N, C-alpha and C. Protein backbone atom coordinates (compact mmCIF):
# COMPACT_ATOMS: atom_id res chain seq x y z
N MET A 1 59.44 53.23 96.69
CA MET A 1 59.81 54.43 95.91
C MET A 1 59.11 54.58 94.60
N ALA A 2 58.54 55.74 94.37
CA ALA A 2 57.69 55.92 93.55
C ALA A 2 58.22 55.84 91.87
N LYS A 3 57.66 55.39 91.11
CA LYS A 3 57.69 55.28 89.42
C LYS A 3 58.71 56.85 89.05
N ALA A 4 59.49 56.75 88.32
CA ALA A 4 60.21 57.64 87.55
C ALA A 4 59.30 58.30 86.49
N LYS A 5 59.01 59.37 86.48
CA LYS A 5 57.95 60.05 85.68
C LYS A 5 58.87 60.50 84.31
N PHE A 6 59.86 60.69 84.24
CA PHE A 6 60.82 61.17 83.16
C PHE A 6 62.18 60.92 82.88
N ARG A 7 63.01 61.05 82.19
CA ARG A 7 64.51 60.46 82.15
C ARG A 7 65.41 61.79 82.75
N LEU A 8 66.23 61.41 83.82
CA LEU A 8 67.03 62.28 84.11
C LEU A 8 68.21 62.77 83.13
N GLY A 9 68.77 61.79 82.15
CA GLY A 9 69.81 61.63 81.05
C GLY A 9 71.27 62.00 82.42
N ARG A 10 71.96 62.58 81.60
CA ARG A 10 73.27 62.77 82.23
C ARG A 10 73.24 63.67 83.71
N LEU A 11 73.52 63.31 85.13
CA LEU A 11 73.60 63.77 86.08
C LEU A 11 75.04 64.62 86.19
N LEU A 12 74.73 66.00 86.77
CA LEU A 12 75.76 66.72 87.14
C LEU A 12 75.24 67.44 88.30
N SER A 13 76.51 68.10 88.60
CA SER A 13 76.14 68.93 89.97
C SER A 13 77.48 69.92 90.07
N THR A 14 76.86 70.82 90.43
CA THR A 14 77.84 72.24 90.55
C THR A 14 78.97 72.19 91.80
N PRO A 15 80.19 72.74 91.99
CA PRO A 15 80.78 73.04 93.00
C PRO A 15 80.26 73.29 94.41
N GLY A 16 79.43 74.13 94.22
CA GLY A 16 78.50 74.31 95.59
C GLY A 16 77.58 73.65 96.31
N ALA A 17 76.95 72.88 95.14
CA ALA A 17 75.91 71.81 95.76
C ALA A 17 76.59 70.61 95.97
N LEU A 18 77.84 70.39 95.61
CA LEU A 18 78.59 69.22 96.08
C LEU A 18 79.39 69.76 97.19
N GLU A 19 79.62 70.70 97.73
CA GLU A 19 79.71 71.10 99.10
C GLU A 19 78.90 71.14 99.70
N ARG A 20 77.82 71.50 99.68
CA ARG A 20 76.90 72.00 100.66
C ARG A 20 75.92 71.09 100.80
N VAL A 21 75.58 70.09 99.72
CA VAL A 21 74.46 69.54 99.94
C VAL A 21 74.73 68.11 100.54
N PRO A 22 74.38 67.24 101.23
CA PRO A 22 75.04 65.87 101.68
C PRO A 22 74.66 65.00 100.75
N ASN A 23 75.34 64.08 100.40
CA ASN A 23 75.06 63.21 99.34
C ASN A 23 73.91 62.79 99.32
N GLY A 24 73.33 61.86 100.55
CA GLY A 24 72.16 61.12 100.96
C GLY A 24 71.10 62.31 100.47
N GLU A 25 71.19 63.60 101.12
CA GLU A 25 69.67 64.23 100.47
C GLU A 25 69.76 64.59 99.32
N MET A 26 70.93 64.85 98.57
CA MET A 26 70.88 65.16 97.25
C MET A 26 70.00 64.07 96.58
N LEU A 27 70.41 62.49 97.10
CA LEU A 27 70.09 61.41 95.99
C LEU A 27 68.50 61.26 96.34
N GLN A 28 68.08 61.45 97.68
CA GLN A 28 66.99 61.59 97.93
C GLN A 28 65.99 62.67 96.75
N ALA A 29 66.55 63.98 96.87
CA ALA A 29 65.78 64.81 96.34
C ALA A 29 65.80 64.48 94.81
N LEU A 30 66.77 63.38 94.18
CA LEU A 30 66.88 63.27 93.09
C LEU A 30 65.67 62.60 92.55
N GLY A 31 65.29 61.32 93.58
CA GLY A 31 64.31 60.73 93.52
C GLY A 31 63.20 61.35 93.81
N ARG A 32 62.84 62.28 94.53
CA ARG A 32 61.72 63.18 94.61
C ARG A 32 61.29 63.68 93.29
N HIS A 33 62.10 64.25 92.55
CA HIS A 33 62.12 65.21 91.85
C HIS A 33 61.90 63.97 90.45
N VAL A 34 62.44 63.23 90.13
CA VAL A 34 62.03 62.12 89.06
C VAL A 34 60.80 61.87 89.19
N SER A 35 59.97 61.78 90.55
CA SER A 35 59.13 60.82 90.66
C SER A 35 57.50 61.99 90.57
N GLY A 36 58.11 63.24 90.49
CA GLY A 36 57.23 64.18 90.39
C GLY A 36 56.87 65.30 91.75
N ASP A 37 57.84 64.98 92.62
CA ASP A 37 57.78 65.80 93.72
C ASP A 37 58.70 67.02 93.79
N TRP A 38 58.01 68.11 93.33
CA TRP A 38 58.90 69.16 93.08
C TRP A 38 59.15 70.08 94.33
N GLY A 39 59.02 69.44 95.35
CA GLY A 39 59.76 70.42 96.60
C GLY A 39 58.79 71.57 96.81
N ASN A 40 59.54 72.47 97.01
CA ASN A 40 59.30 73.90 98.00
C ASN A 40 59.14 74.75 96.58
N VAL A 41 58.18 74.50 95.39
CA VAL A 41 58.56 75.44 94.45
C VAL A 41 57.16 76.14 94.78
N CYS A 42 56.66 77.26 94.00
CA CYS A 42 55.65 77.90 94.01
C CYS A 42 54.42 77.16 93.38
N PRO A 43 53.32 77.36 93.51
CA PRO A 43 52.32 76.51 92.79
C PRO A 43 52.09 76.97 91.07
N GLU A 44 52.63 77.83 90.61
CA GLU A 44 52.64 78.36 89.29
C GLU A 44 53.90 77.47 88.83
N ASP A 45 55.01 77.33 89.64
CA ASP A 45 55.91 76.32 89.15
C ASP A 45 55.77 75.10 88.73
N ALA A 46 54.82 74.45 89.95
CA ALA A 46 54.69 73.40 90.13
C ALA A 46 53.67 72.93 88.67
N GLU A 47 52.44 73.96 88.54
CA GLU A 47 51.87 74.04 87.57
C GLU A 47 52.86 73.92 85.86
N ALA A 48 53.62 74.70 86.02
CA ALA A 48 54.39 74.65 84.73
C ALA A 48 55.24 73.20 84.86
N ASN A 49 55.78 72.75 85.81
CA ASN A 49 56.45 71.28 85.52
C ASN A 49 55.26 70.50 85.17
N GLU A 50 54.30 70.41 85.73
CA GLU A 50 53.20 69.44 85.10
C GLU A 50 52.93 69.37 84.03
N ALA A 51 52.87 70.61 83.17
CA ALA A 51 52.84 70.78 81.38
C ALA A 51 53.90 70.51 81.04
N ALA A 52 54.92 70.81 81.38
CA ALA A 52 56.04 70.42 81.12
C ALA A 52 56.65 68.72 81.10
N MET A 53 55.72 67.91 81.42
CA MET A 53 56.54 66.91 81.05
C MET A 53 55.70 66.14 79.94
N HIS A 54 54.68 67.01 79.66
CA HIS A 54 53.97 66.72 78.53
C HIS A 54 54.39 67.38 77.30
N ASP A 55 54.68 68.76 77.56
CA ASP A 55 55.56 69.49 76.52
C ASP A 55 56.74 69.42 76.08
N ARG A 56 57.71 68.60 76.94
CA ARG A 56 58.80 68.44 76.81
C ARG A 56 59.58 69.79 76.96
N ALA A 57 59.18 70.41 78.05
CA ALA A 57 60.02 71.83 78.38
C ALA A 57 60.87 71.65 79.91
N ARG A 58 61.51 72.39 80.07
CA ARG A 58 62.38 72.16 81.28
C ARG A 58 61.58 72.27 82.49
N LEU A 59 62.24 71.18 83.61
CA LEU A 59 61.77 70.82 84.95
C LEU A 59 62.70 71.25 86.19
N LEU A 60 61.80 72.10 86.98
CA LEU A 60 62.45 72.74 88.12
C LEU A 60 62.02 72.39 89.44
N SER A 61 62.99 71.86 90.30
CA SER A 61 62.45 71.46 91.40
C SER A 61 63.56 72.52 92.65
N ALA A 62 62.75 72.57 93.83
CA ALA A 62 63.85 72.96 94.63
C ALA A 62 63.47 72.36 96.35
N TYR A 63 64.40 72.22 96.76
CA TYR A 63 64.78 71.55 97.87
C TYR A 63 65.82 72.40 99.11
N THR A 64 65.51 71.97 100.32
CA THR A 64 66.61 72.40 101.22
C THR A 64 66.42 71.39 102.47
N THR A 65 68.19 71.31 102.48
CA THR A 65 68.68 70.14 103.39
C THR A 65 68.13 70.20 104.74
N GLU A 66 68.44 69.18 105.56
CA GLU A 66 68.06 69.31 107.21
C GLU A 66 68.94 70.37 107.74
N GLY A 67 70.09 71.08 107.13
CA GLY A 67 70.85 71.66 107.39
C GLY A 67 70.40 73.43 107.20
N GLY A 68 69.38 73.44 106.03
CA GLY A 68 69.00 74.80 105.84
C GLY A 68 69.33 75.21 104.28
N VAL A 69 70.31 74.47 103.56
CA VAL A 69 70.49 74.65 102.47
C VAL A 69 69.83 74.66 101.40
N ARG A 70 69.41 75.66 100.79
CA ARG A 70 68.60 75.62 99.80
C ARG A 70 69.01 75.17 98.24
N PHE A 71 68.68 74.35 97.61
CA PHE A 71 69.10 73.73 96.06
C PHE A 71 67.97 73.24 95.55
N TRP A 72 68.72 73.79 94.27
CA TRP A 72 67.58 73.17 92.84
C TRP A 72 67.92 72.03 92.18
N ILE A 73 67.25 71.54 91.48
CA ILE A 73 67.42 70.25 90.63
C ILE A 73 66.61 70.92 89.13
N ILE A 74 67.38 70.88 88.05
CA ILE A 74 66.85 71.32 86.96
C ILE A 74 67.26 69.92 86.07
N THR A 75 66.07 69.98 85.19
CA THR A 75 66.22 68.79 84.25
C THR A 75 65.77 69.48 82.80
N GLU A 76 66.74 69.60 81.81
CA GLU A 76 66.66 70.12 80.61
C GLU A 76 65.59 69.58 79.79
N ALA A 77 64.75 70.67 78.99
CA ALA A 77 63.66 70.21 77.97
C ALA A 77 63.94 68.89 77.37
N ASP A 78 65.35 68.45 76.86
CA ASP A 78 65.04 67.35 76.10
C ASP A 78 65.53 66.34 76.97
N ARG A 79 65.82 66.01 78.34
CA ARG A 79 65.79 65.09 79.25
C ARG A 79 67.37 64.74 78.81
N SER A 80 68.30 65.47 78.20
CA SER A 80 69.72 65.19 78.25
C SER A 80 70.61 65.03 79.73
N VAL A 81 70.10 65.92 80.26
CA VAL A 81 71.17 66.37 81.34
C VAL A 81 69.89 67.16 82.80
N THR A 82 70.64 66.48 84.04
CA THR A 82 69.80 67.15 84.92
C THR A 82 70.95 67.64 86.21
N THR A 83 70.73 68.88 86.44
CA THR A 83 71.82 69.39 87.23
C THR A 83 71.20 69.76 88.54
N VAL A 84 72.13 69.52 89.83
CA VAL A 84 71.89 69.98 90.93
C VAL A 84 72.50 71.26 91.27
N LEU A 85 72.28 72.34 91.41
CA LEU A 85 73.06 73.31 92.07
C LEU A 85 72.15 74.35 93.19
N LEU A 86 72.65 75.04 93.82
CA LEU A 86 72.44 76.01 94.73
C LEU A 86 71.93 77.47 93.76
N PRO A 87 70.82 78.08 94.24
CA PRO A 87 70.12 78.99 93.28
C PRO A 87 71.32 80.29 92.98
N GLU A 88 72.40 80.72 93.87
CA GLU A 88 73.11 81.68 93.86
C GLU A 88 74.08 81.24 92.49
N GLU A 89 73.83 79.92 92.09
CA GLU A 89 75.16 79.59 90.86
C GLU A 89 73.99 79.13 89.83
N TYR A 90 72.88 79.96 89.43
CA TYR A 90 72.32 79.83 88.44
C TYR A 90 72.46 80.88 87.34
């Protein structure tokens, strides 16, 4: 397992993500997120995330479940909260 690159803070999930993202896949994605694997973000967002780890800005990752459900993980700039949500819940 890769080393955590930042704190996740309090973990939250929206109702849609809890309903549609299997728990195991959500946990796996959280592990990827905290290790700096941003998933399916565009190159510009990946670059912004890399800068955000040093500038203390918001971090955004995007993943897709085996069943094809897209979901995001957002860690707030102050690293107090990380939320798993569906894009339409943003």
